[in-house]
PDB file of N, CA and C in Angstrom:
ATOM      1  N   MET A   1      15.468  16.944  55.490  1.00  0.00           N
ATOM      2  CA  MET A   1      15.233  15.561  55.839  1.00  0.00           C
ATOM      3  C   MET A   1      16.446  14.751  55.409  1.00  0.00           C
ATOM      4  N   ALA A   2      17.033  14.050  56.335  1.00  0.00           N
ATOM      5  CA  ALA A   2      18.242  13.276  56.070  1.00  0.00           C
ATOM      6  C   ALA A   2      17.883  11.931  55.456  1.00  0.00           C
ATOM      7  N   VAL A   3      18.765  11.482  54.569  1.00  0.00           N
ATOM      8  CA  VAL A   3      18.597  10.183  53.951  1.00  0.00           C
ATOM      9  C   VAL A   3      19.729   9.299  54.442  1.00  0.00           C
ATOM     10  N   GLY A   4      19.375   8.106  54.898  1.00  0.00           N
ATOM     11  CA  GLY A   4      20.392   7.189  55.383  1.00  0.00           C
ATOM     12  C   GLY A   4      20.043   6.679  56.757  1.00  0.00           C
ATOM     13  N   PRO A   5      20.897   5.805  57.284  1.00  0.00           N
ATOM     14  CA  PRO A   5      20.629   5.227  58.601  1.00  0.00           C
ATOM     15  C   PRO A   5      20.710   6.285  59.691  1.00  0.00           C
ATOM     16  N   ARG A   6      19.758   6.234  60.614  1.00  0.00           N
ATOM     17  CA  ARG A   6      19.701   7.244  61.669  1.00  0.00           C
ATOM     18  C   ARG A   6      20.316   6.759  62.980  1.00  0.00           C
ATOM     19  N   ASP A   7      20.223   5.483  63.255  1.00  0.00           N
ATOM     20  CA  ASP A   7      20.773   4.993  64.512  1.00  0.00           C
ATOM     21  C   ASP A   7      21.659   3.767  64.242  1.00  0.00           C
ATOM     22  N   TYR A   8      22.168   3.187  65.307  1.00  0.00           N
ATOM     23  CA  TYR A   8      23.129   2.093  65.200  1.00  0.00           C
ATOM     24  C   TYR A   8      22.516   0.862  64.543  1.00  0.00           C
ATOM     25  N   ILE A   9      21.276   0.547  64.861  1.00  0.00           N
ATOM     26  CA  ILE A   9      20.625  -0.636  64.281  1.00  0.00           C
ATOM     27  C   ILE A   9      20.443  -0.449  62.779  1.00  0.00           C
ATOM     28  N   ASP A  10      20.038   0.746  62.377  1.00  0.00           N
ATOM     29  CA  ASP A  10      19.895   1.017  60.944  1.00  0.00           C
ATOM     30  C   ASP A  10      21.240   0.900  60.231  1.00  0.00           C
ATOM     31  N   GLN A  11      22.311   1.358  60.858  1.00  0.00           N
ATOM     32  CA  GLN A  11      23.639   1.252  60.250  1.00  0.00           C
ATOM     33  C   GLN A  11      24.036  -0.206  60.062  1.00  0.00           C
ATOM     34  N   LEU A  12      23.761  -1.035  61.073  1.00  0.00           N
ATOM     35  CA  LEU A  12      24.085  -2.457  60.950  1.00  0.00           C
ATOM     36  C   LEU A  12      23.269  -3.116  59.839  1.00  0.00           C
ATOM     37  N   LEU A  13      21.990  -2.767  59.737  1.00  0.00           N
ATOM     38  CA  LEU A  13      21.165  -3.326  58.679  1.00  0.00           C
ATOM     39  C   LEU A  13      21.645  -2.905  57.298  1.00  0.00           C
ATOM     40  N   VAL A  14      22.077  -1.657  57.169  1.00  0.00           N
ATOM     41  CA  VAL A  14      22.603  -1.189  55.887  1.00  0.00           C
ATOM     42  C   VAL A  14      23.853  -1.962  55.518  1.00  0.00           C
ATOM     43  N   LYS A  15      24.750  -2.174  56.478  1.00  0.00           N
ATOM     44  CA  LYS A  15      25.975  -2.943  56.205  1.00  0.00           C
ATOM     45  C   LYS A  15      25.648  -4.384  55.829  1.00  0.00           C
ATOM     46  N   LYS A  16      24.663  -4.968  56.513  1.00  0.00           N
ATOM     47  CA  LYS A  16      24.321  -6.373  56.273  1.00  0.00           C
ATOM     48  C   LYS A  16      23.724  -6.576  54.885  1.00  0.00           C
ATOM     49  N   TYR A  17      22.850  -5.689  54.472  1.00  0.00           N
ATOM     50  CA  TYR A  17      22.132  -5.875  53.215  1.00  0.00           C
ATOM     51  C   TYR A  17      22.689  -5.053  52.063  1.00  0.00           C
ATOM     52  N   ALA A  18      23.834  -4.445  52.221  1.00  0.00           N
ATOM     53  CA  ALA A  18      24.402  -3.600  51.170  1.00  0.00           C
ATOM     54  C   ALA A  18      24.728  -4.391  49.913  1.00  0.00           C
ATOM     55  N   ASP A  19      25.197  -5.610  50.057  1.00  0.00           N
ATOM     56  CA  ASP A  19      25.602  -6.405  48.899  1.00  0.00           C
ATOM     57  C   ASP A  19      24.544  -7.397  48.439  1.00  0.00           C
ATOM     58  N   GLU A  20      23.386  -7.425  49.082  1.00  0.00           N
ATOM     59  CA  GLU A  20      22.329  -8.345  48.679  1.00  0.00           C
ATOM     60  C   GLU A  20      21.726  -7.882  47.355  1.00  0.00           C
ATOM     61  N   LYS A  21      21.450  -8.839  46.501  1.00  0.00           N
ATOM     62  CA  LYS A  21      20.830  -8.525  45.217  1.00  0.00           C
ATOM     63  C   LYS A  21      19.541  -9.323  45.111  1.00  0.00           C
ATOM     64  N   VAL A  22      18.516  -8.659  44.646  1.00  0.00           N
ATOM     65  CA  VAL A  22      17.215  -9.291  44.526  1.00  0.00           C
ATOM     66  C   VAL A  22      16.815  -9.256  43.057  1.00  0.00           C
ATOM     67  N   ASP A  23      16.396 -10.399  42.566  1.00  0.00           N
ATOM     68  CA  ASP A  23      15.978 -10.487  41.173  1.00  0.00           C
ATOM     69  C   ASP A  23      14.622 -11.184  41.133  1.00  0.00           C
ATOM     70  N   ASN A  24      13.582 -10.412  40.995  1.00  0.00           N
ATOM     71  CA  ASN A  24      12.227 -10.958  40.982  1.00  0.00           C
ATOM     72  C   ASN A  24      11.579 -10.732  39.621  1.00  0.00           C
ATOM     73  N   LYS A  25      12.202 -11.230  38.582  1.00  0.00           N
ATOM     74  CA  LYS A  25      11.643 -11.036  37.248  1.00  0.00           C
ATOM     75  C   LYS A  25      10.287 -11.713  37.108  1.00  0.00           C
ATOM     76  N   GLU A  26      10.121 -12.864  37.746  1.00  0.00           N
ATOM     77  CA  GLU A  26       8.843 -13.553  37.623  1.00  0.00           C
ATOM     78  C   GLU A  26       7.718 -12.787  38.310  1.00  0.00           C
ATOM     79  N   LEU A  27       8.031 -12.013  39.342  1.00  0.00           N
ATOM     80  CA  LEU A  27       7.004 -11.207  39.997  1.00  0.00           C
ATOM     81  C   LEU A  27       6.637  -9.988  39.154  1.00  0.00           C
ATOM     82  N   ALA A  28       7.601  -9.455  38.449  1.00  0.00           N
ATOM     83  CA  ALA A  28       7.352  -8.265  37.644  1.00  0.00           C
ATOM     84  C   ALA A  28       6.434  -8.568  36.462  1.00  0.00           C
ATOM     85  N   VAL A  29       6.429  -9.806  35.989  1.00  0.00           N
ATOM     86  CA  VAL A  29       5.638 -10.163  34.819  1.00  0.00           C
ATOM     87  C   VAL A  29       4.418 -10.981  35.234  1.00  0.00           C
ATOM     88  N   ALA A  30       4.104 -11.024  36.508  1.00  0.00           N
ATOM     89  CA  ALA A  30       2.981 -11.814  36.984  1.00  0.00           C
ATOM     90  C   ALA A  30       1.668 -11.316  36.400  1.00  0.00           C
ATOM     91  N   VAL A  31       1.521 -10.010  36.261  1.00  0.00           N
ATOM     92  CA  VAL A  31       0.322  -9.427  35.673  1.00  0.00           C
ATOM     93  C   VAL A  31       0.766  -8.546  34.513  1.00  0.00           C
ATOM     94  N   GLU A  32       0.183  -8.811  33.370  1.00  0.00           N
ATOM     95  CA  GLU A  32       0.551  -8.017  32.196  1.00  0.00           C
ATOM     96  C   GLU A  32       0.011  -6.601  32.346  1.00  0.00           C
ATOM     97  N   PRO A  33       0.825  -5.607  32.003  1.00  0.00           N
ATOM     98  CA  PRO A  33       0.392  -4.210  32.181  1.00  0.00           C
ATOM     99  C   PRO A  33      -0.883  -3.875  31.414  1.00  0.00           C
ATOM    100  N   GLU A  34      -1.040  -4.430  30.213  1.00  0.00           N
ATOM    101  CA  GLU A  34      -2.242  -4.129  29.429  1.00  0.00           C
ATOM    102  C   GLU A  34      -3.494  -4.643  30.126  1.00  0.00           C
ATOM    103  N   LYS A  35      -3.409  -5.839  30.697  1.00  0.00           N
ATOM    104  CA  LYS A  35      -4.569  -6.385  31.410  1.00  0.00           C
ATOM    105  C   LYS A  35      -4.870  -5.574  32.659  1.00  0.00           C
ATOM    106  N   MET A  36      -3.826  -5.145  33.370  1.00  0.00           N
ATOM    107  CA  MET A  36      -4.023  -4.342  34.574  1.00  0.00           C
ATOM    108  C   MET A  36      -4.666  -3.001  34.220  1.00  0.00           C
ATOM    109  N   LEU A  37      -4.169  -2.342  33.175  1.00  0.00           N
ATOM    110  CA  LEU A  37      -4.742  -1.062  32.774  1.00  0.00           C
ATOM    111  C   LEU A  37      -6.176  -1.229  32.283  1.00  0.00           C
ATOM    112  N   SER A  38      -6.440  -2.320  31.588  1.00  0.00           N
ATOM    113  CA  SER A  38      -7.804  -2.586  31.129  1.00  0.00           C
ATOM    114  C   SER A  38      -8.745  -2.789  32.319  1.00  0.00           C
ATOM    115  N   ALA A  39      -8.300  -3.545  33.312  1.00  0.00           N
ATOM    116  CA  ALA A  39      -9.121  -3.767  34.503  1.00  0.00           C
ATOM    117  C   ALA A  39      -9.351  -2.465  35.263  1.00  0.00           C
ATOM    118  N   MET A  40      -8.323  -1.624  35.361  1.00  0.00           N
ATOM    119  CA  MET A  40      -8.467  -0.340  36.042  1.00  0.00           C
ATOM    120  C   MET A  40      -9.444   0.568  35.292  1.00  0.00           C
ATOM    121  N   LYS A  41      -9.366   0.542  33.952  1.00  0.00           N
ATOM    122  CA  LYS A  41     -10.287   1.349  33.145  1.00  0.00           C
ATOM    123  C   LYS A  41     -11.718   0.868  33.327  1.00  0.00           C
ATOM    124  N   ASP A  42     -11.919  -0.452  33.312  1.00  0.00           N
ATOM    125  CA  ASP A  42     -13.260  -1.001  33.513  1.00  0.00           C
ATOM    126  C   ASP A  42     -13.816  -0.623  34.875  1.00  0.00           C
ATOM    127  N   PHE A  43     -12.969  -0.704  35.906  1.00  0.00           N
ATOM    128  CA  PHE A  43     -13.414  -0.352  37.256  1.00  0.00           C
ATOM    129  C   PHE A  43     -13.787   1.116  37.342  1.00  0.00           C
ATOM    130  N   SER A  44     -12.943   1.985  36.764  1.00  0.00           N
ATOM    131  CA  SER A  44     -13.230   3.422  36.848  1.00  0.00           C
ATOM    132  C   SER A  44     -14.488   3.781  36.063  1.00  0.00           C
ATOM    133  N   THR A  45     -14.699   3.127  34.915  1.00  0.00           N
ATOM    134  CA  THR A  45     -15.908   3.376  34.134  1.00  0.00           C
ATOM    135  C   THR A  45     -17.146   2.934  34.912  1.00  0.00           C
ATOM    136  N   MET A  46     -17.063   1.768  35.529  1.00  0.00           N
ATOM    137  CA  MET A  46     -18.188   1.275  36.320  1.00  0.00           C
ATOM    138  C   MET A  46     -18.466   2.204  37.504  1.00  0.00           C
ATOM    139  N   HIS A  47     -17.422   2.661  38.164  1.00  0.00           N
ATOM    140  CA  HIS A  47     -17.599   3.553  39.310  1.00  0.00           C
ATOM    141  C   HIS A  47     -18.212   4.880  38.877  1.00  0.00           C
ATOM    142  N   ARG A  48     -17.748   5.426  37.750  1.00  0.00           N
ATOM    143  CA  ARG A  48     -18.317   6.678  37.246  1.00  0.00           C
ATOM    144  C   ARG A  48     -19.798   6.505  36.915  1.00  0.00           C
ATOM    145  N   ASN A  49     -20.151   5.384  36.295  1.00  0.00           N
ATOM    146  CA  ASN A  49     -21.551   5.126  35.970  1.00  0.00           C
ATOM    147  C   ASN A  49     -22.394   4.975  37.228  1.00  0.00           C
ATOM    148  N   MET A  50     -21.846   4.333  38.252  1.00  0.00           N
ATOM    149  CA  MET A  50     -22.595   4.171  39.506  1.00  0.00           C
ATOM    150  C   MET A  50     -22.812   5.521  40.183  1.00  0.00           C
ATOM    151  N   VAL A  51     -21.823   6.391  40.149  1.00  0.00           N
ATOM    152  CA  VAL A  51     -21.975   7.726  40.745  1.00  0.00           C
ATOM    153  C   VAL A  51     -23.026   8.521  39.978  1.00  0.00           C
ATOM    154  N   THR A  52     -22.998   8.435  38.652  1.00  0.00           N
ATOM    155  CA  THR A  52     -23.996   9.131  37.838  1.00  0.00           C
ATOM    156  C   THR A  52     -25.394   8.607  38.137  1.00  0.00           C
ATOM    157  N   LEU A  53     -25.533   7.295  38.214  1.00  0.00           N
ATOM    158  CA  LEU A  53     -26.827   6.697  38.525  1.00  0.00           C
ATOM    159  C   LEU A  53     -27.301   7.099  39.920  1.00  0.00           C
ATOM    160  N   ASP A  54     -26.380   7.139  40.881  1.00  0.00           N
ATOM    161  CA  ASP A  54     -26.732   7.552  42.244  1.00  0.00           C
ATOM    162  C   ASP A  54     -27.238   8.997  42.257  1.00  0.00           C
ATOM    163  N   ASN A  55     -26.571   9.873  41.506  1.00  0.00           N
ATOM    164  CA  ASN A  55     -27.010  11.273  41.451  1.00  0.00           C
ATOM    165  C   ASN A  55     -28.390  11.404  40.816  1.00  0.00           C
ATOM    166  N   LYS A  56     -28.620  10.658  39.750  1.00  0.00           N
ATOM    167  CA  LYS A  56     -29.943  10.704  39.105  1.00  0.00           C
ATOM    168  C   LYS A  56     -31.024  10.190  40.049  1.00  0.00           C
ATOM    169  N   LEU A  57     -30.725   9.112  40.765  1.00  0.00           N
ATOM    170  CA  LEU A  57     -31.698   8.553  41.700  1.00  0.00           C
ATOM    171  C   LEU A  57     -31.979   9.522  42.848  1.00  0.00           C
ATOM    172  N   ARG A  58     -30.958  10.175  43.364  1.00  0.00           N
ATOM    173  CA  ARG A  58     -31.153  11.174  44.426  1.00  0.00           C
ATOM    174  C   ARG A  58     -32.037  12.323  43.943  1.00  0.00           C
ATOM    175  N   ASN A  59     -31.751  12.811  42.738  1.00  0.00           N
ATOM    176  CA  ASN A  59     -32.552  13.915  42.199  1.00  0.00           C
ATOM    177  C   ASN A  59     -34.003  13.487  41.991  1.00  0.00           C
ATOM    178  N   PHE A  60     -34.213  12.298  41.465  1.00  0.00           N
ATOM    179  CA  PHE A  60     -35.570  11.805  41.246  1.00  0.00           C
ATOM    180  C   PHE A  60     -36.326  11.685  42.568  1.00  0.00           C
ATOM    181  N   CYS A  61     -35.665  11.104  43.579  1.00  0.00           N
ATOM    182  CA  CYS A  61     -36.322  10.952  44.889  1.00  0.00           C
ATOM    183  C   CYS A  61     -36.614  12.309  45.525  1.00  0.00           C
ATOM    184  N   ALA A  62     -35.692  13.260  45.384  1.00  0.00           N
ATOM    185  CA  ALA A  62     -35.923  14.598  45.942  1.00  0.00           C
ATOM    186  C   ALA A  62     -37.108  15.260  45.259  1.00  0.00           C
ATOM    187  N   ASN A  63     -37.203  15.126  43.929  1.00  0.00           N
ATOM    188  CA  ASN A  63     -38.342  15.705  43.208  1.00  0.00           C
ATOM    189  C   ASN A  63     -39.641  15.013  43.592  1.00  0.00           C
ATOM    190  N   LEU A  64     -39.612  13.713  43.747  1.00  0.00           N
ATOM    191  CA  LEU A  64     -40.805  12.967  44.133  1.00  0.00           C
ATOM    192  C   LEU A  64     -41.260  13.363  45.533  1.00  0.00           C
ATOM    193  N   ASN A  65     -40.318  13.514  46.449  1.00  0.00           N
ATOM    194  CA  ASN A  65     -40.670  13.942  47.803  1.00  0.00           C
ATOM    195  C   ASN A  65     -41.219  15.365  47.806  1.00  0.00           C
ATOM    196  N   ALA A  66     -40.670  16.224  46.955  1.00  0.00           N
ATOM    197  CA  ALA A  66     -41.157  17.601  46.884  1.00  0.00           C
ATOM    198  C   ALA A  66     -42.595  17.639  46.375  1.00  0.00           C
ATOM    199  N   LEU A  67     -42.938  16.747  45.444  1.00  0.00           N
ATOM    200  CA  LEU A  67     -44.312  16.712  44.931  1.00  0.00           C
ATOM    201  C   LEU A  67     -45.285  16.135  45.951  1.00  0.00           C
ATOM    202  N   ALA A  68     -44.806  15.266  46.823  1.00  0.00           N
ATOM    203  CA  ALA A  68     -45.693  14.590  47.768  1.00  0.00           C
ATOM    204  C   ALA A  68     -45.889  15.361  49.072  1.00  0.00           C
ATOM    205  N   VAL A  69     -45.220  16.483  49.218  1.00  0.00           N
ATOM    206  CA  VAL A  69     -45.318  17.243  50.465  1.00  0.00           C
ATOM    207  C   VAL A  69     -46.703  17.872  50.573  1.00  0.00           C
ATOM    208  N   GLN A  70     -47.292  17.762  51.751  1.00  0.00           N
ATOM    209  CA  GLN A  70     -48.578  18.403  52.016  1.00  0.00           C
ATOM    210  C   GLN A  70     -48.353  19.431  53.123  1.00  0.00           C
ATOM    211  N   TYR A  71     -48.588  20.663  52.773  1.00  0.00           N
ATOM    212  CA  TYR A  71     -48.382  21.737  53.740  1.00  0.00           C
ATOM    213  C   TYR A  71     -49.646  21.951  54.551  1.00  0.00           C
ATOM    214  N   ARG A  72     -49.488  22.089  55.853  1.00  0.00           N
ATOM    215  CA  ARG A  72     -50.605  22.371  56.747  1.00  0.00           C
ATOM    216  C   ARG A  72     -50.308  23.681  57.479  1.00  0.00           C
ATOM    217  N   PRO A  73     -51.322  24.433  57.740  1.00  0.00           N
ATOM    218  CA  PRO A  73     -51.074  25.677  58.480  1.00  0.00           C
ATOM    219  C   PRO A  73     -50.637  25.344  59.915  1.00  0.00           C
ATOM    220  N   SER A  74     -49.727  26.113  60.399  1.00  0.00           N
ATOM    221  CA  SER A  74     -49.246  25.885  61.766  1.00  0.00           C
ATOM    222  C   SER A  74     -50.069  26.713  62.742  1.00  0.00           C
ATOM    223  N   ARG A  75     -49.945  26.418  64.033  1.00  0.00           N
ATOM    224  CA  ARG A  75     -50.665  27.166  65.052  1.00  0.00           C
ATOM    225  C   ARG A  75     -50.160  28.592  65.160  1.00  0.00           C
ATOM    226  N   MET A  76     -48.880  28.776  64.845  1.00  0.00           N
ATOM    227  CA  MET A  76     -48.281  30.105  64.958  1.00  0.00           C
ATOM    228  C   MET A  76     -48.879  31.050  63.927  1.00  0.00           C
ATOM    229  N   SER A  77     -49.097  30.567  62.698  1.00  0.00           N
ATOM    230  CA  SER A  77     -49.639  31.452  61.654  1.00  0.00           C
ATOM    231  C   SER A  77     -51.112  31.785  61.912  1.00  0.00           C
ATOM    232  N   ALA A  78     -51.862  30.906  62.598  1.00  0.00           N
ATOM    233  CA  ALA A  78     -53.262  31.152  62.883  1.00  0.00           C
ATOM    234  C   ALA A  78     -53.414  32.218  63.976  1.00  0.00           C
ATOM    235  N   ALA A  79     -52.401  32.388  64.826  1.00  0.00           N
ATOM    236  CA  ALA A  79     -52.510  33.352  65.911  1.00  0.00           C
ATOM    237  C   ALA A  79     -52.399  34.780  65.404  1.00  0.00           C
ATOM    238  N   TYR A  80     -51.778  34.987  64.271  1.00  0.00           N
ATOM    239  CA  TYR A  80     -51.590  36.351  63.759  1.00  0.00           C
ATOM    240  C   TYR A  80     -52.702  36.734  62.919  1.00  0.00           C
TER     241      TYR A  80
END
């Protein structure tokens, strides 16, 4: 895989922006890393708890449905 401009337009863009310098220090400090990591940890903990709760609820409903099943003889079994 080649790195660099592939066609004429890309070459012109590289020449045009080669000397441009961008300094966005205020954007880099817009969100403190500790707060971002804390928010990500809180979200992941909440998501893990929701998945666990969903699994428990599914298992409970499956067990409840299994207890409520009423089996009836079918016509096929009566013929034999």
